[in-house]
């Protein structure tokens, strides 16, 4: 059974382990300061960032980090799923599906009118999961790096 819940301060070591694996999956190195800031934002009730974790098999086996933001096409806010990762040892067992279902419920609780995300076109495993909710919409993403304070875009993590 998988339990989906909000991340808590005691989850930090588990989240960092999974975060490191997530970054490695994308062949990226996120600076320690960015990782620490992200974790701080997750725990900050005033930040527009939240994280759900999946408890499965006696431990934290996955996470989903989201950003809530305003939208120009509706009054309701929108939720962007920025990062989702499930431990390799439990993939295919419903943890990812449960995380997205939990995100849908949390987005509704926050009054959001939509939940959206991106993934790499050749990430077949993720796309099999995501297509269970709705097929990709065909949009193409463009990204301009704006070097400056923090230079966090240089991490290589898809924004």
C-alpha atoms as a PDB file:
ATOM      1  CA  UNK A   1       0.000   0.000   0.000  1.00  0.00           C
ATOM      2  CA  UNK A   2       1.173   3.514  -0.798  1.00  0.00           C
ATOM      3  CA  UNK A   3       0.442   6.499   1.429  1.00  0.00           C
ATOM      4  CA  UNK A   4       0.703   9.964  -0.125  1.00  0.00           C
ATOM      5  CA  UNK A   5       1.261  12.865   2.258  1.00  0.00           C
ATOM      6  CA  UNK A   6       2.890  16.264   2.571  1.00  0.00           C
ATOM      7  CA  UNK A   7       6.630  16.269   3.166  1.00  0.00           C
ATOM      8  CA  UNK A   8       7.663  16.818   6.789  1.00  0.00           C
ATOM      9  CA  UNK A   9      10.960  17.997   8.316  1.00  0.00           C
ATOM     10  CA  UNK A  10      11.846  14.399   9.233  1.00  0.00           C
ATOM     11  CA  UNK A  11      11.726  13.404   5.554  1.00  0.00           C
ATOM     12  CA  UNK A  12      14.769  15.453   4.598  1.00  0.00           C
ATOM     13  CA  UNK A  13      17.305  12.588   4.490  1.00  0.00           C
ATOM     14  CA  UNK A  14      14.922  10.409   2.438  1.00  0.00           C
ATOM     15  CA  UNK A  15      14.086  13.289   0.094  1.00  0.00           C
ATOM     16  CA  UNK A  16      17.774  14.143  -0.385  1.00  0.00           C
ATOM     17  CA  UNK A  17      18.574  10.514  -1.248  1.00  0.00           C
ATOM     18  CA  UNK A  18      15.802  10.440  -3.847  1.00  0.00           C
ATOM     19  CA  UNK A  19      16.682  13.966  -5.060  1.00  0.00           C
ATOM     20  CA  UNK A  20      20.282  12.861  -5.678  1.00  0.00           C
ATOM     21  CA  UNK A  21      19.031   9.864  -7.688  1.00  0.00           C
ATOM     22  CA  UNK A  22      16.660  12.136  -9.627  1.00  0.00           C
ATOM     23  CA  UNK A  23      19.483  14.533 -10.489  1.00  0.00           C
ATOM     24  CA  UNK A  24      21.702  11.603 -11.509  1.00  0.00           C
ATOM     25  CA  UNK A  25      18.908  10.319 -13.771  1.00  0.00           C
ATOM     26  CA  UNK A  26      19.029  13.661 -15.600  1.00  0.00           C
ATOM     27  CA  UNK A  27      22.854  13.564 -15.599  1.00  0.00           C
ATOM     28  CA  UNK A  28      22.896  16.806 -13.618  1.00  0.00           C
ATOM     29  CA  UNK A  29      24.581  18.225 -10.589  1.00  0.00           C
ATOM     30  CA  UNK A  30      22.504  20.641  -8.543  1.00  0.00           C
ATOM     31  CA  UNK A  31      24.594  22.810  -6.206  1.00  0.00           C
ATOM     32  CA  UNK A  32      24.153  22.063  -2.505  1.00  0.00           C
ATOM     33  CA  UNK A  33      22.861  25.599  -1.937  1.00  0.00           C
ATOM     34  CA  UNK A  34      20.065  25.040  -4.469  1.00  0.00           C
ATOM     35  CA  UNK A  35      19.143  21.695  -2.904  1.00  0.00           C
ATOM     36  CA  UNK A  36      19.056  23.271   0.566  1.00  0.00           C
ATOM     37  CA  UNK A  37      16.976  26.196  -0.696  1.00  0.00           C
ATOM     38  CA  UNK A  38      14.538  23.855  -2.438  1.00  0.00           C
ATOM     39  CA  UNK A  39      14.087  21.826   0.747  1.00  0.00           C
ATOM     40  CA  UNK A  40      13.580  25.042   2.709  1.00  0.00           C
ATOM     41  CA  UNK A  41      10.917  26.195   0.255  1.00  0.00           C
ATOM     42  CA  UNK A  42       9.153  22.851   0.540  1.00  0.00           C
ATOM     43  CA  UNK A  43       8.819  23.341   4.290  1.00  0.00           C
ATOM     44  CA  UNK A  44       7.981  27.067   4.151  1.00  0.00           C
ATOM     45  CA  UNK A  45       4.189  27.491   4.340  1.00  0.00           C
ATOM     46  CA  UNK A  46       4.511  30.910   2.666  1.00  0.00           C
ATOM     47  CA  UNK A  47       6.458  29.621  -0.351  1.00  0.00           C
ATOM     48  CA  UNK A  48       4.513  28.684  -3.499  1.00  0.00           C
ATOM     49  CA  UNK A  49       6.319  25.317  -3.483  1.00  0.00           C
ATOM     50  CA  UNK A  50       5.010  22.102  -1.958  1.00  0.00           C
ATOM     51  CA  UNK A  51       6.096  18.480  -1.941  1.00  0.00           C
ATOM     52  CA  UNK A  52       4.190  15.272  -1.559  1.00  0.00           C
ATOM     53  CA  UNK A  53       6.009  12.080  -0.622  1.00  0.00           C
ATOM     54  CA  UNK A  54       5.005   8.478  -1.170  1.00  0.00           C
ATOM     55  CA  UNK A  55       5.449   6.065   1.713  1.00  0.00           C
ATOM     56  CA  UNK A  56       5.707   2.562   0.330  1.00  0.00           C
ATOM     57  CA  UNK A  57       7.221  -0.630   1.680  1.00  0.00           C
ATOM     58  CA  UNK A  58       8.134   0.943   5.008  1.00  0.00           C
ATOM     59  CA  UNK A  59       9.928   4.022   3.690  1.00  0.00           C
ATOM     60  CA  UNK A  60       9.748   7.097   1.507  1.00  0.00           C
ATOM     61  CA  UNK A  61       9.845   5.774  -2.059  1.00  0.00           C
ATOM     62  CA  UNK A  62       9.012   8.833  -4.130  1.00  0.00           C
ATOM     63  CA  UNK A  63       8.308  12.534  -4.202  1.00  0.00           C
ATOM     64  CA  UNK A  64       6.601  15.192  -6.270  1.00  0.00           C
ATOM     65  CA  UNK A  65       7.627  18.852  -5.994  1.00  0.00           C
ATOM     66  CA  UNK A  66       5.189  21.435  -7.325  1.00  0.00           C
ATOM     67  CA  UNK A  67       4.918  25.179  -7.772  1.00  0.00           C
ATOM     68  CA  UNK A  68       1.583  26.963  -7.465  1.00  0.00           C
ATOM     69  CA  UNK A  69       1.280  30.093  -9.597  1.00  0.00           C
ATOM     70  CA  UNK A  70      -1.203  32.520 -11.100  1.00  0.00           C
ATOM     71  CA  UNK A  71      -2.535  32.011 -14.592  1.00  0.00           C
ATOM     72  CA  UNK A  72      -3.624  34.539 -17.185  1.00  0.00           C
ATOM     73  CA  UNK A  73      -6.373  32.354 -18.687  1.00  0.00           C
ATOM     74  CA  UNK A  74      -8.313  31.733 -15.494  1.00  0.00           C
ATOM     75  CA  UNK A  75      -8.950  33.138 -12.042  1.00  0.00           C
ATOM     76  CA  UNK A  76      -7.889  29.930 -10.328  1.00  0.00           C
ATOM     77  CA  UNK A  77      -4.207  29.258  -9.732  1.00  0.00           C
ATOM     78  CA  UNK A  78      -2.397  26.515 -11.621  1.00  0.00           C
ATOM     79  CA  UNK A  79      -0.049  23.835 -10.270  1.00  0.00           C
ATOM     80  CA  UNK A  80       3.156  22.950 -12.091  1.00  0.00           C
ATOM     81  CA  UNK A  81       4.636  19.552 -11.264  1.00  0.00           C
ATOM     82  CA  UNK A  82       8.307  20.403 -11.546  1.00  0.00           C
ATOM     83  CA  UNK A  83       9.927  17.247 -10.191  1.00  0.00           C
ATOM     84  CA  UNK A  84       8.618  13.718  -9.777  1.00  0.00           C
ATOM     85  CA  UNK A  85      10.786  10.757  -8.875  1.00  0.00           C
ATOM     86  CA  UNK A  86      10.091   7.201  -7.768  1.00  0.00           C
ATOM     87  CA  UNK A  87      12.801   4.935  -6.382  1.00  0.00           C
ATOM     88  CA  UNK A  88      13.925   2.470  -9.066  1.00  0.00           C
ATOM     89  CA  UNK A  89      13.261  -0.488  -6.773  1.00  0.00           C
ATOM     90  CA  UNK A  90       9.503   0.149  -6.676  1.00  0.00           C
ATOM     91  CA  UNK A  91       8.804   1.511 -10.161  1.00  0.00           C
ATOM     92  CA  UNK A  92       5.873  -0.095 -11.897  1.00  0.00           C
ATOM     93  CA  UNK A  93       4.178  -0.783  -8.562  1.00  0.00           C
ATOM     94  CA  UNK A  94       1.755   2.128  -8.590  1.00  0.00           C
ATOM     95  CA  UNK A  95       3.780   4.668  -6.605  1.00  0.00           C
ATOM     96  CA  UNK A  96       3.992   7.190  -9.453  1.00  0.00           C
ATOM     97  CA  UNK A  97       0.288   6.806 -10.196  1.00  0.00           C
ATOM     98  CA  UNK A  98      -0.531   7.336  -6.510  1.00  0.00           C
ATOM     99  CA  UNK A  99       1.658  10.464  -6.419  1.00  0.00           C
ATOM    100  CA  UNK A 100      -0.170  12.026  -9.357  1.00  0.00           C
ATOM    101  CA  UNK A 101      -3.553  11.124  -7.879  1.00  0.00           C
ATOM    102  CA  UNK A 102      -2.395  12.749  -4.642  1.00  0.00           C
ATOM    103  CA  UNK A 103      -1.273  15.819  -6.587  1.00  0.00           C
ATOM    104  CA  UNK A 104      -4.666  16.079  -8.251  1.00  0.00           C
ATOM    105  CA  UNK A 105      -6.338  16.059  -4.837  1.00  0.00           C
ATOM    106  CA  UNK A 106      -3.867  18.589  -3.399  1.00  0.00           C
ATOM    107  CA  UNK A 107      -4.241  20.893  -6.414  1.00  0.00           C
ATOM    108  CA  UNK A 108      -8.017  20.820  -5.974  1.00  0.00           C
ATOM    109  CA  UNK A 109      -7.609  21.512  -2.245  1.00  0.00           C
ATOM    110  CA  UNK A 110      -5.545  24.575  -3.153  1.00  0.00           C
ATOM    111  CA  UNK A 111      -8.230  25.772  -5.564  1.00  0.00           C
ATOM    112  CA  UNK A 112      -6.182  25.137  -8.715  1.00  0.00           C
ATOM    113  CA  UNK A 113      -7.914  24.781 -12.033  1.00  0.00           C
ATOM    114  CA  UNK A 114      -5.166  22.727 -13.665  1.00  0.00           C
ATOM    115  CA  UNK A 115      -2.135  20.543 -12.972  1.00  0.00           C
ATOM    116  CA  UNK A 116       0.554  20.314 -15.650  1.00  0.00           C
ATOM    117  CA  UNK A 117       4.079  19.026 -16.201  1.00  0.00           C
ATOM    118  CA  UNK A 118       6.779  18.326 -18.795  1.00  0.00           C
ATOM    119  CA  UNK A 119       9.022  15.369 -19.440  1.00  0.00           C
ATOM    120  CA  UNK A 120      11.667  14.438 -21.938  1.00  0.00           C
ATOM    121  CA  UNK A 121      10.200  13.084 -25.176  1.00  0.00           C
ATOM    122  CA  UNK A 122      12.219   9.871 -24.969  1.00  0.00           C
ATOM    123  CA  UNK A 123      11.426   9.128 -21.304  1.00  0.00           C
ATOM    124  CA  UNK A 124       9.232   6.162 -22.216  1.00  0.00           C
ATOM    125  CA  UNK A 125       8.682   4.911 -18.677  1.00  0.00           C
ATOM    126  CA  UNK A 126       7.432   8.285 -17.462  1.00  0.00           C
ATOM    127  CA  UNK A 127       5.315   8.802 -20.558  1.00  0.00           C
ATOM    128  CA  UNK A 128       3.609   5.421 -20.068  1.00  0.00           C
ATOM    129  CA  UNK A 129       2.553   6.624 -16.629  1.00  0.00           C
ATOM    130  CA  UNK A 130       1.578  10.131 -17.744  1.00  0.00           C
ATOM    131  CA  UNK A 131      -0.414   8.885 -20.734  1.00  0.00           C
ATOM    132  CA  UNK A 132      -2.662   7.020 -18.300  1.00  0.00           C
ATOM    133  CA  UNK A 133      -3.926  10.430 -17.181  1.00  0.00           C
ATOM    134  CA  UNK A 134      -3.995  12.190 -20.539  1.00  0.00           C
ATOM    135  CA  UNK A 135      -1.921  12.050 -23.726  1.00  0.00           C
ATOM    136  CA  UNK A 136       0.702  14.733 -24.303  1.00  0.00           C
ATOM    137  CA  UNK A 137      -0.765  17.914 -25.751  1.00  0.00           C
ATOM    138  CA  UNK A 138       1.811  18.486 -28.478  1.00  0.00           C
ATOM    139  CA  UNK A 139       3.233  21.739 -27.159  1.00  0.00           C
ATOM    140  CA  UNK A 140       6.948  22.347 -27.635  1.00  0.00           C
ATOM    141  CA  UNK A 141       8.908  23.960 -24.838  1.00  0.00           C
ATOM    142  CA  UNK A 142      11.433  26.771 -25.307  1.00  0.00           C
ATOM    143  CA  UNK A 143      13.813  27.826 -22.572  1.00  0.00           C
ATOM    144  CA  UNK A 144      16.113  30.815 -22.367  1.00  0.00           C
ATOM    145  CA  UNK A 145      18.797  30.715 -19.717  1.00  0.00           C
ATOM    146  CA  UNK A 146      19.247  34.070 -18.030  1.00  0.00           C
ATOM    147  CA  UNK A 147      22.595  33.973 -16.229  1.00  0.00           C
ATOM    148  CA  UNK A 148      22.652  35.937 -13.049  1.00  0.00           C
ATOM    149  CA  UNK A 149      21.852  35.515  -9.403  1.00  0.00           C
ATOM    150  CA  UNK A 150      22.281  31.877  -8.469  1.00  0.00           C
ATOM    151  CA  UNK A 151      22.634  30.641 -12.059  1.00  0.00           C
ATOM    152  CA  UNK A 152      20.416  27.702 -11.055  1.00  0.00           C
ATOM    153  CA  UNK A 153      19.414  26.957 -14.658  1.00  0.00           C
ATOM    154  CA  UNK A 154      22.918  25.634 -15.279  1.00  0.00           C
ATOM    155  CA  UNK A 155      22.010  22.535 -13.282  1.00  0.00           C
ATOM    156  CA  UNK A 156      20.659  20.866 -16.391  1.00  0.00           C
ATOM    157  CA  UNK A 157      17.410  19.907 -14.653  1.00  0.00           C
ATOM    158  CA  UNK A 158      14.560  20.540 -17.088  1.00  0.00           C
ATOM    159  CA  UNK A 159      12.688  23.654 -16.020  1.00  0.00           C
END
